[in-house]
């Protein structure tokens, strides 16, 4: 990225994460994070939102994996 802004290093790390993780590891990681006792799932469970092992979870995983091609190009601009 050409411009300097707050959180640029964190943004770069998040964009590069899908490149560093194989697809299987990414799936296991996402299932763990979005499980009812996971980092994000514990916040969603009281709201009645279940992500792991649902269609919403498949959407999240496909979006994460798709970032390999779309977001990767954007970060190199």
N, C-alpha and C. Protein backbone atom coordinates (compact mmCIF):
# COMPACT_ATOMS: atom_id res chain seq x y z
N UNK A 1 0.84 -1.17 0.00
CA UNK A 1 0.00 0.00 0.00
C UNK A 1 0.88 1.24 0.00
N UNK A 2 0.47 2.19 -0.72
CA UNK A 2 1.26 3.40 -0.87
C UNK A 2 1.09 4.37 0.28
N UNK A 3 -0.11 4.43 0.83
CA UNK A 3 -0.43 5.46 1.80
C UNK A 3 -0.18 4.98 3.22
N UNK A 4 0.16 5.92 4.09
CA UNK A 4 0.34 5.61 5.50
C UNK A 4 -0.96 5.90 6.22
N UNK A 5 -1.39 4.98 7.08
CA UNK A 5 -2.58 5.18 7.88
C UNK A 5 -2.49 4.31 9.12
N UNK A 6 -3.27 4.63 10.12
CA UNK A 6 -3.28 3.88 11.36
C UNK A 6 -3.77 2.46 11.11
N UNK A 7 -3.03 1.47 11.56
CA UNK A 7 -3.41 0.07 11.40
C UNK A 7 -2.95 -0.55 10.09
N UNK A 8 -2.06 0.12 9.38
CA UNK A 8 -1.60 -0.38 8.08
C UNK A 8 -0.92 -1.73 8.21
N UNK A 9 -0.08 -1.91 9.24
CA UNK A 9 0.62 -3.18 9.42
C UNK A 9 -0.36 -4.30 9.74
N UNK A 10 -1.37 -4.01 10.55
CA UNK A 10 -2.38 -5.02 10.86
C UNK A 10 -3.16 -5.38 9.60
N UNK A 11 -3.56 -4.39 8.82
CA UNK A 11 -4.28 -4.64 7.57
C UNK A 11 -3.45 -5.51 6.63
N UNK A 12 -2.16 -5.21 6.49
CA UNK A 12 -1.29 -6.01 5.64
C UNK A 12 -1.20 -7.45 6.13
N UNK A 13 -1.13 -7.64 7.44
CA UNK A 13 -1.07 -8.99 8.00
C UNK A 13 -2.36 -9.75 7.72
N UNK A 14 -3.51 -9.09 7.85
CA UNK A 14 -4.79 -9.76 7.57
C UNK A 14 -4.94 -10.11 6.10
N UNK A 15 -4.45 -9.26 5.23
CA UNK A 15 -4.53 -9.53 3.80
C UNK A 15 -3.60 -10.68 3.42
N UNK A 16 -2.43 -10.75 4.03
CA UNK A 16 -1.47 -11.79 3.70
C UNK A 16 -1.76 -13.12 4.37
N UNK A 17 -2.63 -13.14 5.38
CA UNK A 17 -2.92 -14.38 6.10
C UNK A 17 -3.43 -15.50 5.21
N UNK A 18 -4.38 -15.27 4.30
CA UNK A 18 -4.83 -16.37 3.44
C UNK A 18 -3.72 -16.97 2.57
N UNK A 19 -2.70 -16.19 2.24
CA UNK A 19 -1.59 -16.72 1.46
C UNK A 19 -0.72 -17.64 2.28
N UNK A 20 -0.61 -17.37 3.58
CA UNK A 20 0.27 -18.14 4.45
C UNK A 20 -0.37 -19.45 4.92
N UNK A 21 -1.68 -19.51 4.96
CA UNK A 21 -2.36 -20.70 5.48
C UNK A 21 -2.84 -21.60 4.34
N UNK A 22 -2.54 -22.90 4.41
CA UNK A 22 -3.16 -23.82 3.44
C UNK A 22 -4.68 -23.86 3.67
N UNK A 23 -5.41 -24.26 2.68
CA UNK A 23 -6.88 -24.26 2.76
C UNK A 23 -7.40 -25.09 3.93
N UNK A 24 -6.82 -26.27 4.17
CA UNK A 24 -7.29 -27.12 5.26
C UNK A 24 -7.06 -26.46 6.61
N UNK A 25 -5.91 -25.86 6.79
CA UNK A 25 -5.61 -25.18 8.06
C UNK A 25 -6.55 -23.99 8.24
N UNK A 26 -6.84 -23.29 7.17
CA UNK A 26 -7.76 -22.16 7.25
C UNK A 26 -9.14 -22.63 7.68
N UNK A 27 -9.60 -23.75 7.15
CA UNK A 27 -10.91 -24.28 7.53
C UNK A 27 -10.98 -24.66 8.99
N UNK A 28 -9.95 -25.32 9.48
CA UNK A 28 -9.91 -25.71 10.90
C UNK A 28 -9.86 -24.47 11.78
N UNK A 29 -9.07 -23.50 11.37
CA UNK A 29 -8.96 -22.26 12.14
C UNK A 29 -10.28 -21.51 12.19
N UNK A 30 -10.94 -21.38 11.05
CA UNK A 30 -12.22 -20.68 11.02
C UNK A 30 -13.27 -21.42 11.85
N UNK A 31 -13.30 -22.76 11.76
CA UNK A 31 -14.26 -23.53 12.55
C UNK A 31 -14.02 -23.34 14.04
N UNK A 32 -12.76 -23.24 14.43
CA UNK A 32 -12.44 -23.05 15.84
C UNK A 32 -12.79 -21.64 16.32
N UNK A 33 -12.50 -20.66 15.51
CA UNK A 33 -12.77 -19.28 15.90
C UNK A 33 -14.27 -19.00 15.98
N UNK A 34 -15.03 -19.56 15.04
CA UNK A 34 -16.47 -19.30 15.00
C UNK A 34 -17.31 -20.31 15.77
N UNK A 35 -16.69 -21.28 16.44
CA UNK A 35 -17.42 -22.22 17.29
C UNK A 35 -18.06 -21.45 18.44
N UNK A 36 -19.11 -21.99 19.05
CA UNK A 36 -19.77 -21.26 20.15
C UNK A 36 -18.85 -20.87 21.30
N UNK A 37 -17.75 -21.58 21.48
CA UNK A 37 -16.81 -21.22 22.53
C UNK A 37 -15.53 -20.58 21.96
N UNK A 38 -15.55 -20.20 20.69
CA UNK A 38 -14.39 -19.56 20.04
C UNK A 38 -14.36 -18.07 20.27
N UNK A 39 -13.30 -17.44 19.77
CA UNK A 39 -13.11 -16.00 19.99
C UNK A 39 -14.27 -15.17 19.47
N UNK A 40 -14.72 -15.45 18.27
CA UNK A 40 -15.81 -14.67 17.69
C UNK A 40 -17.16 -15.33 17.98
N UNK A 41 -17.19 -16.65 18.01
CA UNK A 41 -18.43 -17.37 18.25
C UNK A 41 -19.05 -17.10 19.61
N UNK A 42 -18.21 -16.84 20.61
CA UNK A 42 -18.76 -16.56 21.94
C UNK A 42 -19.53 -15.25 21.98
N UNK A 43 -19.23 -14.35 21.05
CA UNK A 43 -19.97 -13.10 20.96
C UNK A 43 -21.24 -13.26 20.12
N UNK A 44 -21.19 -14.20 19.17
CA UNK A 44 -22.35 -14.40 18.29
C UNK A 44 -23.39 -15.35 18.90
N UNK A 45 -22.95 -16.29 19.72
CA UNK A 45 -23.86 -17.28 20.29
C UNK A 45 -25.00 -16.65 21.09
N UNK A 46 -24.75 -15.67 21.96
CA UNK A 46 -25.88 -15.06 22.69
C UNK A 46 -26.90 -14.37 21.79
N UNK A 47 -26.46 -14.00 20.60
CA UNK A 47 -27.37 -13.36 19.64
C UNK A 47 -28.14 -14.37 18.81
N UNK A 48 -27.83 -15.66 19.01
CA UNK A 48 -28.49 -16.72 18.26
C UNK A 48 -27.91 -16.96 16.88
N UNK A 49 -26.72 -16.44 16.65
CA UNK A 49 -26.07 -16.60 15.35
C UNK A 49 -25.07 -17.74 15.44
N UNK A 50 -25.28 -18.78 14.65
CA UNK A 50 -24.37 -19.92 14.61
C UNK A 50 -23.65 -19.88 13.27
N UNK A 51 -22.34 -19.94 13.30
CA UNK A 51 -21.55 -19.85 12.08
C UNK A 51 -20.92 -21.19 11.73
N UNK A 52 -20.28 -21.84 12.70
CA UNK A 52 -19.58 -23.10 12.42
C UNK A 52 -20.55 -24.17 11.95
N UNK A 53 -20.18 -24.83 10.87
CA UNK A 53 -20.92 -25.96 10.31
C UNK A 53 -22.32 -25.57 9.84
N UNK A 54 -22.45 -24.35 9.32
CA UNK A 54 -23.70 -23.89 8.72
C UNK A 54 -23.39 -23.28 7.35
N UNK A 55 -24.43 -22.90 6.65
CA UNK A 55 -24.21 -22.24 5.35
C UNK A 55 -23.49 -20.92 5.51
N UNK A 56 -23.77 -20.23 6.60
CA UNK A 56 -23.06 -18.98 6.88
C UNK A 56 -21.57 -19.26 7.06
N UNK A 57 -21.23 -20.35 7.71
CA UNK A 57 -19.83 -20.73 7.88
C UNK A 57 -19.16 -21.04 6.55
N UNK A 58 -19.88 -21.69 5.66
CA UNK A 58 -19.34 -21.96 4.32
C UNK A 58 -19.08 -20.65 3.59
N UNK A 59 -20.01 -19.71 3.72
CA UNK A 59 -19.83 -18.40 3.10
C UNK A 59 -18.60 -17.68 3.65
N UNK A 60 -18.43 -17.71 4.97
CA UNK A 60 -17.27 -17.07 5.60
C UNK A 60 -15.98 -17.72 5.10
N UNK A 61 -15.95 -19.06 5.03
CA UNK A 61 -14.75 -19.76 4.58
C UNK A 61 -14.44 -19.45 3.12
N UNK A 62 -15.44 -19.46 2.28
CA UNK A 62 -15.21 -19.17 0.86
C UNK A 62 -14.74 -17.73 0.67
N UNK A 63 -15.29 -16.81 1.45
CA UNK A 63 -14.86 -15.42 1.37
C UNK A 63 -13.40 -15.29 1.80
N UNK A 64 -13.05 -15.98 2.87
CA UNK A 64 -11.67 -15.94 3.37
C UNK A 64 -10.70 -16.50 2.33
N UNK A 65 -11.05 -17.63 1.73
CA UNK A 65 -10.18 -18.24 0.73
C UNK A 65 -10.13 -17.39 -0.54
N UNK A 66 -11.26 -16.74 -0.89
CA UNK A 66 -11.28 -15.89 -2.09
C UNK A 66 -10.39 -14.68 -1.93
N UNK A 67 -10.10 -14.29 -0.71
CA UNK A 67 -9.21 -13.15 -0.48
C UNK A 67 -7.81 -13.40 -1.01
N UNK A 68 -7.47 -14.64 -1.25
CA UNK A 68 -6.16 -14.95 -1.81
C UNK A 68 -5.96 -14.28 -3.15
N UNK A 69 -7.01 -14.24 -3.95
CA UNK A 69 -6.84 -13.66 -5.28
C UNK A 69 -7.24 -12.19 -5.33
N UNK A 70 -8.35 -11.82 -4.70
CA UNK A 70 -8.82 -10.45 -4.84
C UNK A 70 -8.07 -9.48 -3.93
N UNK A 71 -8.01 -9.73 -2.65
CA UNK A 71 -7.36 -8.80 -1.73
C UNK A 71 -5.84 -8.79 -1.92
N UNK A 72 -5.30 -9.89 -2.33
CA UNK A 72 -3.86 -9.95 -2.55
C UNK A 72 -3.40 -8.99 -3.62
N UNK A 73 -4.19 -8.86 -4.66
CA UNK A 73 -3.84 -7.92 -5.72
C UNK A 73 -3.99 -6.47 -5.26
N UNK A 74 -5.00 -6.21 -4.46
CA UNK A 74 -5.23 -4.85 -3.98
C UNK A 74 -4.10 -4.39 -3.08
N UNK A 75 -3.57 -5.26 -2.25
CA UNK A 75 -2.52 -4.85 -1.32
C UNK A 75 -1.21 -4.57 -2.02
N UNK A 76 -1.04 -5.04 -3.24
CA UNK A 76 0.21 -4.85 -3.95
C UNK A 76 0.21 -3.56 -4.77
N UNK A 77 -0.92 -2.83 -4.75
CA UNK A 77 -1.04 -1.60 -5.54
C UNK A 77 -0.12 -0.51 -5.04
